[in-house]
């Protein structure tokens, strides 16, 4: 049974403590990321003079869902979220998306990257004074990893497909020590793995933080994102409202772990895994390429708890790119206002990046499939915002021409109201096992993992439970590390 390795290397740990002391680094705990009320007042005072994206070590304490929605000097409040009205979704069901824009880097992946790096830092498994941190990704994770590395003053290598948006590369050029572009788009994950294997044999002193197999990625979302969803539901639930489930792109299978948390709180709820119709790996053992940036494809992540996934939904990438125009082009916004969509909602639609739009469409299909009503509530995730896709809007403008009311009406009717229950499957026990067994081809045949772990993940009921318990253990290590650094 696999758990997160917390073996301490005293010599390397001493060097990490010294580096943290020299660079004024204090590390937040999972408990503080769940509840910023536990963050010391002194740190909150320091944050009042620090920008959200600044490369400043105190911004480690902004790795949570509670940041005040301000670009600079913000404190903490409630979890940032947007609730989409039926005038947008076409269903009576309440669809709520928690918002990633107000994390440092503008995406919640900075949390998953932090969670992968810190256990190895505070145990001394990773030495920031000698080793480079390698961040393989289809987009936002490597940005988060490069950012966390910069805050922790260690060198980084960001790996992502060459077909990702221009904004990602421009930002990485300023923050990452090195950026490696691999062939293809977000569907080309194997090419990222191949580059990692090449680096492993390059003779460099480095450590690869592979989000697709790093259980701390799962742990952060289970512990922090899941709790954020519960908090919002408690805040917005009316008498009689029912929490029915979450929708999430599978990606690296980190974010979808929030559904595991919510299932423990609401045992009757469902988890819907989303992917692109143009690359329906879970739905149809398929392959291909698509334009929903950052979700990863053509494999089942090692850390995906497939046994807990109830529904697979494939979203047409044409829906995502056209709705991005509807939600963000001036003529699209005008049309939505004409339909009676509240102005406050229209102003917030830019909080949905490409994967966020896809996640919302998955929620709409889920609501229709289960015939949900106005007292049913589905949660989803806006991983990032359209701030990271402005170049895509320009490209679409050139490719598809001027956006006007006719196009807006067509997109609204076809891609929102027209969403049906096609291209989706409710998973039986056998179906879930099929999805789980797909791990073999990537992880055993290609990446050399032990096959015995695959049945162990499936049949051993303690497998995932033991991982979930480790947040408290890591917190104890963080507290002791901070104590030795002497700055807390």
Protein backbone atom coordinates (compact mmCIF):
# COMPACT_ATOMS: atom_id res chain seq x y z
CA UNK A 1 0.00 0.00 0.00
CA UNK A 2 1.37 3.41 -0.99
CA UNK A 3 1.45 6.41 1.31
CA UNK A 4 3.37 9.67 1.05
CA UNK A 5 6.97 8.99 2.03
CA UNK A 6 7.81 11.09 5.09
CA UNK A 7 11.26 9.60 5.79
CA UNK A 8 13.59 12.30 7.14
CA UNK A 9 17.05 12.96 5.68
CA UNK A 10 18.68 14.96 8.49
CA UNK A 11 21.62 16.34 6.50
CA UNK A 12 19.53 17.68 3.63
CA UNK A 13 16.90 18.92 6.05
CA UNK A 14 19.47 21.02 7.89
CA UNK A 15 20.41 22.68 4.61
CA UNK A 16 16.73 23.30 3.81
CA UNK A 17 16.22 24.88 7.25
CA UNK A 18 19.24 27.14 6.71
CA UNK A 19 17.96 28.17 3.25
CA UNK A 20 14.53 28.98 4.66
CA UNK A 21 16.09 31.09 7.42
CA UNK A 22 18.25 32.99 4.92
CA UNK A 23 15.34 33.68 2.58
CA UNK A 24 12.76 34.61 5.23
CA UNK A 25 10.55 31.59 4.50
CA UNK A 26 7.73 30.40 6.75
CA UNK A 27 5.62 27.49 5.48
CA UNK A 28 1.84 27.31 6.01
CA UNK A 29 0.17 24.13 7.23
CA UNK A 30 -2.78 22.33 5.66
CA UNK A 31 -4.81 23.48 8.66
CA UNK A 32 -4.02 27.11 7.83
CA UNK A 33 -4.79 26.61 4.14
CA UNK A 34 -8.19 25.19 5.10
CA UNK A 35 -8.85 27.94 7.61
CA UNK A 36 -6.88 31.20 7.19
CA UNK A 37 -8.28 32.27 10.56
CA UNK A 38 -5.42 30.19 11.99
CA UNK A 39 -2.77 32.28 10.20
CA UNK A 40 -0.86 34.54 12.64
CA UNK A 41 -1.81 38.24 12.68
CA UNK A 42 1.79 39.24 11.95
CA UNK A 43 1.70 37.44 8.59
CA UNK A 44 -1.65 38.98 7.71
CA UNK A 45 -0.18 42.41 8.40
CA UNK A 46 2.74 41.71 6.09
CA UNK A 47 0.40 40.59 3.30
CA UNK A 48 -1.32 43.99 3.35
CA UNK A 49 1.67 45.40 1.44
CA UNK A 50 2.21 42.46 -0.95
CA UNK A 51 0.71 41.90 -4.42
CA UNK A 52 -1.14 38.65 -5.10
CA UNK A 53 1.36 37.55 -7.77
CA UNK A 54 4.49 38.99 -6.15
CA UNK A 55 7.43 36.63 -5.72
CA UNK A 56 7.40 37.05 -1.97
CA UNK A 57 7.67 34.20 0.56
CA UNK A 58 4.64 35.39 2.53
CA UNK A 59 2.48 34.65 -0.51
CA UNK A 60 2.76 31.02 0.49
CA UNK A 61 0.02 31.99 2.93
CA UNK A 62 -2.19 32.98 0.01
CA UNK A 63 -2.33 29.38 -1.21
CA UNK A 64 -5.97 28.93 -0.21
CA UNK A 65 -9.51 29.53 -1.50
CA UNK A 66 -10.24 32.40 0.90
CA UNK A 67 -8.17 35.23 -0.58
CA UNK A 68 -9.87 38.58 -0.82
CA UNK A 69 -10.47 39.16 -4.57
CA UNK A 70 -7.87 41.92 -4.91
CA UNK A 71 -4.68 42.09 -6.94
CA UNK A 72 -2.71 43.63 -4.09
CA UNK A 73 -2.88 43.87 -0.32
CA UNK A 74 -5.88 41.60 0.10
CA UNK A 75 -6.72 39.78 3.29
CA UNK A 76 -9.02 36.80 3.73
CA UNK A 77 -12.77 36.34 3.52
CA UNK A 78 -15.15 33.62 2.46
CA UNK A 79 -14.39 31.13 -0.29
CA UNK A 80 -14.55 32.78 -3.72
CA UNK A 81 -17.34 31.30 -5.84
CA UNK A 82 -19.85 32.07 -8.57
CA UNK A 83 -23.38 30.65 -8.76
CA UNK A 84 -24.73 30.43 -12.30
CA UNK A 85 -28.43 31.22 -12.76
CA UNK A 86 -30.78 29.11 -14.88
CA UNK A 87 -30.80 31.90 -17.48
CA UNK A 88 -27.22 30.76 -18.23
CA UNK A 89 -27.42 27.03 -17.55
CA UNK A 90 -30.91 26.26 -18.83
CA UNK A 91 -31.58 24.01 -15.83
CA UNK A 92 -33.26 24.74 -12.49
CA UNK A 93 -30.42 23.06 -10.59
CA UNK A 94 -28.10 25.31 -8.60
CA UNK A 95 -24.63 25.13 -10.17
CA UNK A 96 -21.82 26.65 -8.10
CA UNK A 97 -18.17 27.02 -9.17
CA UNK A 98 -15.44 27.83 -6.68
CA UNK A 99 -13.01 30.29 -8.24
CA UNK A 100 -9.27 29.80 -8.76
CA UNK A 101 -8.44 33.27 -10.16
CA UNK A 102 -7.57 34.68 -6.73
CA UNK A 103 -4.73 32.30 -6.04
CA UNK A 104 -1.18 33.50 -6.75
CA UNK A 105 -0.57 32.78 -10.49
CA UNK A 106 -4.33 33.04 -11.09
CA UNK A 107 -4.95 29.29 -10.82
CA UNK A 108 -5.50 26.83 -7.98
CA UNK A 109 -2.79 24.49 -9.26
CA UNK A 110 -0.30 26.45 -7.17
CA UNK A 111 -1.80 24.59 -4.20
CA UNK A 112 -1.24 21.15 -5.67
CA UNK A 113 2.34 22.09 -6.56
CA UNK A 114 2.94 23.37 -3.01
CA UNK A 115 1.59 20.11 -1.61
CA UNK A 116 3.94 18.05 -3.76
CA UNK A 117 7.02 20.12 -2.90
CA UNK A 118 6.68 20.84 0.82
CA UNK A 119 6.61 17.29 2.27
CA UNK A 120 9.91 16.58 0.54
CA UNK A 121 11.33 19.92 1.64
CA UNK A 122 10.49 19.60 5.35
CA UNK A 123 11.68 15.97 5.48
CA UNK A 124 14.96 16.80 3.73
CA UNK A 125 14.21 14.52 0.78
CA UNK A 126 14.54 17.58 -1.49
CA UNK A 127 17.54 19.87 -1.10
CA UNK A 128 16.75 23.36 -2.45
CA UNK A 129 20.42 24.35 -2.25
CA UNK A 130 21.58 21.75 -4.80
CA UNK A 131 18.61 20.25 -6.63
CA UNK A 132 16.35 21.60 -9.36
CA UNK A 133 12.59 21.07 -9.06
CA UNK A 134 11.04 19.73 -12.28
CA UNK A 135 7.36 20.44 -12.92
CA UNK A 136 5.75 18.37 -15.73
CA UNK A 137 2.37 19.79 -16.69
CA UNK A 138 -0.19 20.59 -19.33
CA UNK A 139 -0.28 24.20 -18.16
CA UNK A 140 -1.11 25.63 -14.76
CA UNK A 141 0.66 23.08 -12.54
CA UNK A 142 4.10 23.92 -13.90
CA UNK A 143 3.30 27.60 -13.43
CA UNK A 144 2.36 26.89 -9.82
CA UNK A 145 5.49 24.80 -9.34
CA UNK A 146 7.76 27.47 -10.80
CA UNK A 147 6.10 30.06 -8.57
CA UNK A 148 6.43 27.92 -5.42
CA UNK A 149 10.05 27.19 -6.33
CA UNK A 150 10.75 30.91 -6.70
CA UNK A 151 9.14 31.63 -3.32
CA UNK A 152 11.23 28.87 -1.75
CA UNK A 153 14.36 30.03 -3.59
CA UNK A 154 15.12 26.86 -5.48
CA UNK A 155 15.76 26.40 -9.20
CA UNK A 156 12.98 25.06 -11.38
CA UNK A 157 12.31 23.49 -14.77
CA UNK A 158 8.80 23.88 -16.18
CA UNK A 159 7.62 21.36 -18.79
CA UNK A 160 4.47 21.90 -20.85
CA UNK A 161 3.20 21.31 -24.41
CA UNK A 162 4.17 23.87 -27.04
CA UNK A 163 0.50 24.32 -28.01
CA UNK A 164 -0.54 25.99 -24.75
CA UNK A 165 -1.62 29.64 -24.59
CA UNK A 166 0.93 32.40 -25.11
CA UNK A 167 0.24 33.91 -21.67
CA UNK A 168 1.60 30.83 -19.92
CA UNK A 169 4.92 30.95 -21.74
CA UNK A 170 5.35 34.70 -21.30
CA UNK A 171 4.86 34.41 -17.55
CA UNK A 172 7.11 31.34 -17.21
CA UNK A 173 9.92 33.17 -19.01
CA UNK A 174 10.02 35.58 -16.07
CA UNK A 175 9.68 33.06 -13.22
CA UNK A 176 10.92 29.57 -14.15
CA UNK A 177 14.63 28.87 -14.33
CA UNK A 178 14.04 26.93 -17.55
CA UNK A 179 10.99 26.19 -19.69
CA UNK A 180 10.85 23.09 -21.90
CA UNK A 181 8.22 22.89 -24.64
CA UNK A 182 7.15 19.38 -25.58
CA UNK A 183 5.43 18.47 -28.88
CA UNK A 184 1.67 18.79 -29.24
CA UNK A 185 -1.11 20.17 -27.06
CA UNK A 186 -2.78 19.29 -23.77
CA UNK A 187 -3.55 15.80 -25.11
CA UNK A 188 0.14 14.95 -25.45
CA UNK A 189 0.95 13.87 -21.90
CA UNK A 190 3.20 10.96 -22.91
CA UNK A 191 5.59 13.41 -24.52
CA UNK A 192 5.86 15.15 -21.15
CA UNK A 193 6.62 11.84 -19.44
CA UNK A 194 9.24 11.08 -22.11
CA UNK A 195 10.96 14.39 -21.41
CA UNK A 196 10.97 13.61 -17.68
CA UNK A 197 12.61 10.26 -18.34
CA UNK A 198 15.20 11.98 -20.50
CA UNK A 199 15.96 14.42 -17.67
CA UNK A 200 16.27 11.57 -15.16
CA UNK A 201 19.15 10.20 -17.22
CA UNK A 202 20.76 13.57 -17.93
CA UNK A 203 23.10 13.48 -14.93
CA UNK A 204 21.57 16.63 -13.41
CA UNK A 205 20.78 16.78 -9.70
CA UNK A 206 17.02 17.20 -9.86
CA UNK A 207 13.72 15.98 -8.46
CA UNK A 208 10.64 15.49 -10.62
CA UNK A 209 7.31 16.41 -9.04
CA UNK A 210 4.94 14.54 -11.35
CA UNK A 211 1.43 15.69 -10.48
CA UNK A 212 -0.11 12.70 -12.26
CA UNK A 213 1.40 10.26 -9.74
CA UNK A 214 2.09 12.46 -6.69
CA UNK A 215 -0.37 11.61 -3.90
CA UNK A 216 0.18 15.00 -2.18
CA UNK A 217 -1.71 16.46 -5.19
CA UNK A 218 -4.68 14.26 -4.25
CA UNK A 219 -4.22 15.10 -0.55
CA UNK A 220 -4.26 18.89 -1.04
CA UNK A 221 -7.53 18.86 -2.95
CA UNK A 222 -9.14 16.31 -0.64
CA UNK A 223 -8.15 18.35 2.41
CA UNK A 224 -8.33 21.96 1.21
CA UNK A 225 -10.57 22.10 -1.88
CA UNK A 226 -13.10 19.65 -0.48
CA UNK A 227 -13.38 21.65 2.73
CA UNK A 228 -13.84 24.87 0.72
CA UNK A 229 -16.78 23.30 -1.11
CA UNK A 230 -18.37 22.18 2.13
CA UNK A 231 -17.98 25.68 3.56
CA UNK A 232 -19.70 27.30 0.57
CA UNK A 233 -22.54 24.78 0.62
CA UNK A 234 -23.15 25.45 4.31
CA UNK A 235 -23.25 29.15 3.49
CA UNK A 236 -25.65 29.05 0.53
CA UNK A 237 -27.89 26.06 1.28
CA UNK A 238 -31.55 26.90 1.73
CA UNK A 239 -33.97 24.73 3.72
CA UNK A 240 -34.45 21.52 1.74
CA UNK A 241 -31.43 21.99 -0.56
CA UNK A 242 -29.52 18.80 -1.39
CA UNK A 243 -25.84 18.54 -2.26
CA UNK A 244 -25.85 16.21 -5.27
CA UNK A 245 -22.24 16.06 -6.39
CA UNK A 246 -19.24 17.64 -8.07
CA UNK A 247 -17.96 17.79 -11.64
CA UNK A 248 -14.29 18.04 -12.52
CA UNK A 249 -12.03 17.40 -15.47
CA UNK A 250 -9.87 14.40 -14.66
CA UNK A 251 -6.64 16.24 -15.56
CA UNK A 252 -4.08 15.00 -13.08
CA UNK A 253 -6.92 13.67 -10.85
CA UNK A 254 -6.02 16.09 -8.08
CA UNK A 255 -9.04 18.40 -8.14
CA UNK A 256 -11.51 15.54 -8.47
CA UNK A 257 -10.31 14.31 -5.05
CA UNK A 258 -12.44 17.08 -3.55
CA UNK A 259 -15.37 14.86 -4.50
CA UNK A 260 -13.99 12.12 -2.26
CA UNK A 261 -14.14 14.54 0.66
CA UNK A 262 -17.66 15.67 -0.19
CA UNK A 263 -18.83 12.07 -0.51
CA UNK A 264 -17.76 11.44 3.06
CA UNK A 265 -19.84 14.42 4.17
CA UNK A 266 -22.72 13.69 1.77
CA UNK A 267 -22.64 9.91 1.10
CA UNK A 268 -25.39 10.01 -1.54
CA UNK A 269 -23.57 12.56 -3.73
CA UNK A 270 -21.97 11.76 -7.09
CA UNK A 271 -18.62 12.49 -8.75
CA UNK A 272 -18.64 13.24 -12.47
CA UNK A 273 -15.32 13.04 -14.33
CA UNK A 274 -15.11 15.24 -17.40
CA UNK A 275 -12.96 15.02 -20.52
CA UNK A 276 -12.97 16.29 -24.08
CA UNK A 277 -15.20 14.59 -26.64
CA UNK A 278 -12.31 14.84 -29.10
CA UNK A 279 -10.22 12.64 -26.77
CA UNK A 280 -12.67 10.37 -24.88
CA UNK A 281 -10.20 8.21 -22.95
CA UNK A 282 -12.41 7.27 -20.00
CA UNK A 283 -15.66 7.21 -21.97
CA UNK A 284 -14.54 5.20 -24.94
CA UNK A 285 -10.86 4.22 -24.53
CA UNK A 286 -10.33 6.88 -27.17
CA UNK A 287 -7.62 9.30 -28.16
CA UNK A 288 -7.14 12.49 -30.14
CA UNK A 289 -6.45 16.18 -29.60
CA UNK A 290 -8.61 19.08 -28.43
CA UNK A 291 -8.67 22.70 -27.32
CA UNK A 292 -9.72 22.54 -23.65
CA UNK A 293 -6.37 23.61 -22.29
CA UNK A 294 -4.74 22.10 -19.25
CA UNK A 295 -6.85 19.01 -18.54
CA UNK A 296 -4.46 16.25 -19.72
CA UNK A 297 -5.54 13.18 -21.68
CA UNK A 298 -4.90 9.73 -23.14
CA UNK A 299 -4.17 8.14 -19.79
CA UNK A 300 -5.67 7.57 -16.35
CA UNK A 301 -3.61 9.35 -13.67
CA UNK A 302 -2.04 7.09 -11.07
CA UNK A 303 -3.74 9.07 -8.29
CA UNK A 304 -7.27 8.88 -9.74
CA UNK A 305 -9.56 7.08 -7.29
CA UNK A 306 -11.62 5.58 -10.12
CA UNK A 307 -13.62 3.39 -7.76
CA UNK A 308 -15.25 6.55 -6.41
CA UNK A 309 -16.15 8.04 -9.82
CA UNK A 310 -19.83 7.68 -10.76
CA UNK A 311 -20.19 9.37 -14.12
CA UNK A 312 -18.00 10.11 -17.15
CA UNK A 313 -18.96 13.04 -19.35
CA UNK A 314 -17.34 14.14 -22.62
CA UNK A 315 -17.57 17.82 -23.61
CA UNK A 316 -17.20 19.03 -27.19
CA UNK A 317 -14.32 21.51 -27.34
CA UNK A 318 -16.35 23.52 -29.88
CA UNK A 319 -18.76 24.28 -27.05
CA UNK A 320 -15.94 25.58 -24.87
CA UNK A 321 -14.27 27.88 -27.40
CA UNK A 322 -17.58 29.30 -28.64
CA UNK A 323 -18.91 29.90 -25.15
CA UNK A 324 -15.64 31.62 -24.27
CA UNK A 325 -16.59 34.15 -26.95
CA UNK A 326 -20.19 34.41 -25.76
CA UNK A 327 -19.08 35.05 -22.17
CA UNK A 328 -16.29 37.51 -22.98
CA UNK A 329 -16.92 39.32 -26.29
CA UNK A 330 -18.86 42.60 -25.91
CA UNK A 331 -21.59 41.43 -28.30
CA UNK A 332 -21.95 38.19 -26.38
CA UNK A 333 -22.38 40.03 -23.11
CA UNK A 334 -24.94 42.35 -24.72
CA UNK A 335 -26.96 39.37 -25.92
CA UNK A 336 -26.92 37.73 -22.49
CA UNK A 337 -28.13 40.98 -20.93
CA UNK A 338 -30.94 41.09 -23.50
CA UNK A 339 -32.01 37.63 -22.34
CA UNK A 340 -32.24 38.85 -18.77
CA UNK A 341 -29.04 37.36 -17.38
CA UNK A 342 -28.19 39.47 -14.31
CA UNK A 343 -25.46 42.07 -14.88
CA UNK A 344 -23.61 40.78 -11.82
CA UNK A 345 -23.40 37.32 -13.42
CA UNK A 346 -22.24 38.66 -16.78
CA UNK A 347 -19.44 40.56 -15.04
CA UNK A 348 -18.28 37.32 -13.41
CA UNK A 349 -18.27 35.05 -16.47
CA UNK A 350 -14.64 35.94 -17.14
CA UNK A 351 -13.81 33.96 -13.98
CA UNK A 352 -14.35 30.81 -16.06
CA UNK A 353 -11.34 29.74 -18.11
CA UNK A 354 -11.56 26.99 -20.72
CA UNK A 355 -11.62 24.10 -18.24
CA UNK A 356 -14.05 26.02 -16.02
CA UNK A 357 -16.51 26.36 -18.91
CA UNK A 358 -16.12 22.65 -19.61
CA UNK A 359 -16.75 21.83 -15.94
CA UNK A 360 -19.93 23.92 -15.95
CA UNK A 361 -21.19 22.16 -19.08
CA UNK A 362 -20.51 18.85 -17.35
CA UNK A 363 -22.66 20.02 -14.44
CA UNK A 364 -25.49 20.95 -16.83
CA UNK A 365 -25.40 17.51 -18.43
CA UNK A 366 -25.28 15.86 -15.01
CA UNK A 367 -28.32 17.87 -13.86
CA UNK A 368 -30.28 16.83 -16.94
CA UNK A 369 -29.25 13.18 -16.70
CA UNK A 370 -30.41 12.86 -13.08
CA UNK A 371 -33.44 15.13 -13.69
CA UNK A 372 -32.46 17.44 -10.85
CA UNK A 373 -34.62 20.30 -9.63
CA UNK A 374 -34.14 23.72 -8.03
CA UNK A 375 -33.23 22.27 -4.63
CA UNK A 376 -30.40 20.16 -6.03
CA UNK A 377 -26.92 21.69 -5.86
CA UNK A 378 -23.89 20.73 -7.96
CA UNK A 379 -20.41 22.09 -7.31
CA UNK A 380 -17.64 22.50 -9.84
CA UNK A 381 -14.30 24.29 -10.22
CA UNK A 382 -13.12 27.30 -12.17
CA UNK A 383 -9.46 26.32 -12.19
CA UNK A 384 -8.37 29.60 -13.79
CA UNK A 385 -9.92 32.60 -15.55
CA UNK A 386 -10.00 34.04 -19.05
CA UNK A 387 -7.10 36.26 -18.01
CA UNK A 388 -4.88 33.37 -19.15
CA UNK A 389 -6.65 33.01 -22.53
CA UNK A 390 -6.83 36.52 -23.98
CA UNK A 391 -4.56 35.49 -26.85
CA UNK A 392 -7.02 32.71 -27.67
CA UNK A 393 -9.84 35.24 -27.99
CA UNK A 394 -7.72 37.21 -30.46
CA UNK A 395 -6.97 34.03 -32.42
CA UNK A 396 -10.66 33.11 -32.53
CA UNK A 397 -11.49 36.60 -33.69
CA UNK A 398 -9.13 36.16 -36.66
CA UNK A 399 -10.24 32.58 -37.35
CA UNK A 400 -14.03 32.99 -36.98
CA UNK A 401 -14.55 36.67 -37.73
CA UNK A 402 -16.40 39.39 -35.87
CA UNK A 403 -18.68 38.28 -33.07
CA UNK A 404 -22.25 39.53 -33.36
CA UNK A 405 -25.73 38.96 -31.96
CA UNK A 406 -26.54 36.21 -34.46
CA UNK A 407 -23.47 34.21 -33.47
CA UNK A 408 -24.21 34.84 -29.80
CA UNK A 409 -27.76 33.54 -30.21
CA UNK A 410 -26.49 30.47 -32.01
CA UNK A 411 -23.89 29.72 -29.34
CA UNK A 412 -26.37 30.24 -26.51
CA UNK A 413 -28.96 27.98 -28.11
CA UNK A 414 -26.62 25.26 -29.27
CA UNK A 415 -23.97 25.07 -26.56
CA UNK A 416 -25.97 26.02 -23.45
CA UNK A 417 -29.67 25.28 -23.93
CA UNK A 418 -28.81 22.51 -26.39
CA UNK A 419 -26.73 20.45 -23.97
CA UNK A 420 -28.20 16.95 -23.72
CA UNK A 421 -27.39 13.64 -22.09
CA UNK A 422 -25.36 12.33 -25.01
CA UNK A 423 -21.67 11.43 -24.71
CA UNK A 424 -21.87 10.42 -21.07
CA UNK A 425 -22.03 7.20 -19.09
CA UNK A 426 -23.08 6.32 -15.56
CA UNK A 427 -20.45 3.86 -14.35
CA UNK A 428 -21.29 0.45 -12.97
CA UNK A 429 -18.83 -1.40 -10.74
CA UNK A 430 -17.45 -3.14 -13.83
CA UNK A 431 -17.16 0.15 -15.73
CA UNK A 432 -15.20 1.72 -12.86
CA UNK A 433 -12.90 -1.28 -12.79
CA UNK A 434 -12.32 -0.91 -16.54
CA UNK A 435 -11.31 2.73 -16.10
CA UNK A 436 -9.04 1.84 -13.18
CA UNK A 437 -7.32 -0.91 -15.14
CA UNK A 438 -6.39 1.55 -17.89
CA UNK A 439 -3.66 2.71 -15.51
CA UNK A 440 -1.71 -0.40 -16.47
CA UNK A 441 -0.77 0.81 -19.94
CA UNK A 442 0.70 4.16 -18.89
CA UNK A 443 2.10 3.37 -15.49
CA UNK A 444 3.27 -0.24 -15.66
CA UNK A 445 4.15 -0.67 -19.35
CA UNK A 446 5.49 2.85 -19.98
CA UNK A 447 6.62 4.16 -16.60
CA UNK A 448 7.75 0.96 -14.90
CA UNK A 449 5.50 0.94 -11.84
CA UNK A 450 4.72 -2.26 -9.95
CA UNK A 451 1.57 -3.95 -11.28
CA UNK A 452 0.66 -5.17 -7.78
CA UNK A 453 -0.21 -1.60 -6.81
CA UNK A 454 -3.09 -1.57 -9.31
CA UNK A 455 -5.17 -4.33 -7.64
CA UNK A 456 -4.08 -2.98 -4.25
CA UNK A 457 -5.61 0.43 -5.08
CA UNK A 458 -8.83 -1.30 -6.05
CA UNK A 459 -9.30 -3.99 -3.41
CA UNK A 460 -7.56 -2.56 -0.35
CA UNK A 461 -10.12 -0.38 1.44
CA UNK A 462 -7.38 1.28 3.49
CA UNK A 463 -5.37 2.41 0.47
CA UNK A 464 -6.95 5.85 0.07
CA UNK A 465 -7.88 6.20 3.75
CA UNK A 466 -4.26 6.06 4.87
CA UNK A 467 -3.27 8.80 2.40
CA UNK A 468 -6.07 11.05 3.64
CA UNK A 469 -4.74 10.83 7.19
CA UNK A 470 -1.34 12.21 6.29
CA UNK A 471 -2.21 15.93 6.27
CA UNK A 472 -1.89 16.02 10.07
CA UNK A 473 1.44 14.20 9.94
CA UNK A 474 2.79 16.65 7.37
CA UNK A 475 1.52 19.58 9.44
CA UNK A 476 3.54 18.32 12.41
CA UNK A 477 6.65 18.23 10.21
CA UNK A 478 5.94 21.74 8.89
CA UNK A 479 5.50 23.13 12.42
CA UNK A 480 8.77 21.55 13.55
CA UNK A 481 10.55 22.83 10.42
CA UNK A 482 9.27 26.38 11.00
CA UNK A 483 10.32 26.16 14.64
CA UNK A 484 13.89 25.31 13.64
CA UNK A 485 13.93 28.09 11.05
CA UNK A 486 12.99 30.44 13.89
CA UNK A 487 10.91 33.02 12.01
CA UNK A 488 7.34 31.95 12.74
